[in-house]
C-alpha atoms as a PDB file:
ATOM      1  CA  MET A   1      90.346  66.761 143.536  1.00  0.00           C
ATOM      2  CA  THR A   2      93.829  68.036 144.398  1.00  0.00           C
ATOM      3  CA  PRO A   3      96.888  66.740 142.552  1.00  0.00           C
ATOM      4  CA  PRO A   4      99.352  64.562 144.485  1.00  0.00           C
ATOM      5  CA  HIS A   5     102.131  66.458 146.222  1.00  0.00           C
ATOM      6  CA  THR A   6     105.508  66.505 144.539  1.00  0.00           C
ATOM      7  CA  PRO A   7     108.583  65.316 146.515  1.00  0.00           C
ATOM      8  CA  ALA A   8     109.752  68.937 146.793  1.00  0.00           C
ATOM      9  CA  GLU A   9     106.511  69.838 148.584  1.00  0.00           C
ATOM     10  CA  ARG A  10     106.691  66.839 150.948  1.00  0.00           C
ATOM     11  CA  GLY A  11     110.316  67.257 151.910  1.00  0.00           C
ATOM     12  CA  PRO A  12     113.038  64.612 152.079  1.00  0.00           C
ATOM     13  CA  ASN A  13     112.368  60.941 152.738  1.00  0.00           C
ATOM     14  CA  CYS A  14     114.624  59.613 155.526  1.00  0.00           C
ATOM     15  CA  TRP A  15     114.371  56.059 154.196  1.00  0.00           C
ATOM     16  CA  GLN A  16     116.207  57.224 151.061  1.00  0.00           C
ATOM     17  CA  CYS A  17     118.892  59.241 152.915  1.00  0.00           C
ATOM     18  CA  ARG A  18     122.446  58.007 153.501  1.00  0.00           C
ATOM     19  CA  HIS A  19     122.486  59.567 157.005  1.00  0.00           C
ATOM     20  CA  PHE A  20     119.410  57.680 158.235  1.00  0.00           C
ATOM     21  CA  ALA A  21     119.928  54.839 160.703  1.00  0.00           C
ATOM     22  CA  ILE A  22     117.874  52.431 162.794  1.00  0.00           C
ATOM     23  CA  THR A  23     118.806  52.166 166.464  1.00  0.00           C
ATOM     24  CA  HIS A  24     118.162  49.371 168.952  1.00  0.00           C
ATOM     25  CA  ILE A  25     116.586  51.793 171.424  1.00  0.00           C
ATOM     26  CA  PRO A  26     112.811  51.202 171.674  1.00  0.00           C
ATOM     27  CA  THR A  27     112.054  54.788 172.744  1.00  0.00           C
ATOM     28  CA  ALA A  28     114.150  56.310 169.922  1.00  0.00           C
ATOM     29  CA  PRO A  29     114.236  53.847 167.012  1.00  0.00           C
ATOM     30  CA  TYR A  30     115.439  56.295 164.334  1.00  0.00           C
ATOM     31  CA  ALA A  31     118.648  58.315 164.065  1.00  0.00           C
ATOM     32  CA  CYS A  32     120.292  60.892 161.857  1.00  0.00           C
ATOM     33  CA  ARG A  33     124.059  60.452 161.646  1.00  0.00           C
ATOM     34  CA  ALA A  34     124.550  63.881 160.013  1.00  0.00           C
ATOM     35  CA  MET A  35     122.875  65.764 162.867  1.00  0.00           C
ATOM     36  CA  GLY A  36     123.801  63.292 165.590  1.00  0.00           C
ATOM     37  CA  PHE A  37     120.444  62.673 167.231  1.00  0.00           C
ATOM     38  CA  GLN A  38     117.983  59.854 167.841  1.00  0.00           C
ATOM     39  CA  SER A  39     114.225  60.233 167.814  1.00  0.00           C
ATOM     40  CA  ARG A  40     110.898  58.527 168.143  1.00  0.00           C
ATOM     41  CA  LEU A  41     109.857  60.191 164.862  1.00  0.00           C
ATOM     42  CA  LEU A  42     111.651  60.023 161.537  1.00  0.00           C
ATOM     43  CA  PRO A  43     114.464  62.598 161.705  1.00  0.00           C
ATOM     44  CA  ALA A  44     113.101  64.719 158.833  1.00  0.00           C
ATOM     45  CA  MET A  45     109.753  64.962 160.617  1.00  0.00           C
ATOM     46  CA  GLU A  46     111.481  65.913 163.868  1.00  0.00           C
ATOM     47  CA  VAL A  47     113.473  68.640 162.081  1.00  0.00           C
ATOM     48  CA  LEU A  48     110.306  69.994 160.473  1.00  0.00           C
ATOM     49  CA  ARG A  49     108.499  69.939 163.838  1.00  0.00           C
ATOM     50  CA  VAL A  50     111.287  71.722 165.732  1.00  0.00           C
ATOM     51  CA  ASP A  51     112.710  74.042 163.062  1.00  0.00           C
ATOM     52  CA  GLY A  52     109.727  74.576 160.777  1.00  0.00           C
ATOM     53  CA  GLN A  53     111.860  73.850 157.702  1.00  0.00           C
ATOM     54  CA  PHE A  54     112.664  70.743 155.693  1.00  0.00           C
ATOM     55  CA  CYS A  55     115.896  68.899 156.486  1.00  0.00           C
ATOM     56  CA  MET A  56     118.769  70.514 154.601  1.00  0.00           C
ATOM     57  CA  LEU A  57     121.277  67.661 155.083  1.00  0.00           C
ATOM     58  CA  PHE A  58     119.463  65.049 152.969  1.00  0.00           C
ATOM     59  CA  GLN A  59     121.762  63.083 150.665  1.00  0.00           C
ATOM     60  CA  ALA A  60     120.328  60.327 148.501  1.00  0.00           C
ATOM     61  CA  LYS A  61     121.739  56.840 149.007  1.00  0.00           C
ATOM     62  CA  ASP A  62     123.982  55.471 146.292  1.00  0.00           C
ATOM     63  CA  LYS A  63     122.211  53.253 143.790  1.00  0.00           C
ATOM     64  CA  PRO A  64     123.193  49.583 144.183  1.00  0.00           C
ATOM     65  CA  VAL A  65     125.331  48.195 141.381  1.00  0.00           C
ATOM     66  CA  ALA A  66     123.506  45.394 139.559  1.00  0.00           C
END
């Protein structure tokens, strides 16, 4: 049995990135504000598919104040 992958091995999670956005375009529902594109796939997956590397512009969202 293989151990679960660490976050560093999986790459960034767009849902936790401050640059991630949801569009109202059915054919491209996701967007990256930092790179300025919209996609059918999550932006980090699109970057990995096209560039072969993990997204380098990931910035974690601020934690909400309780």
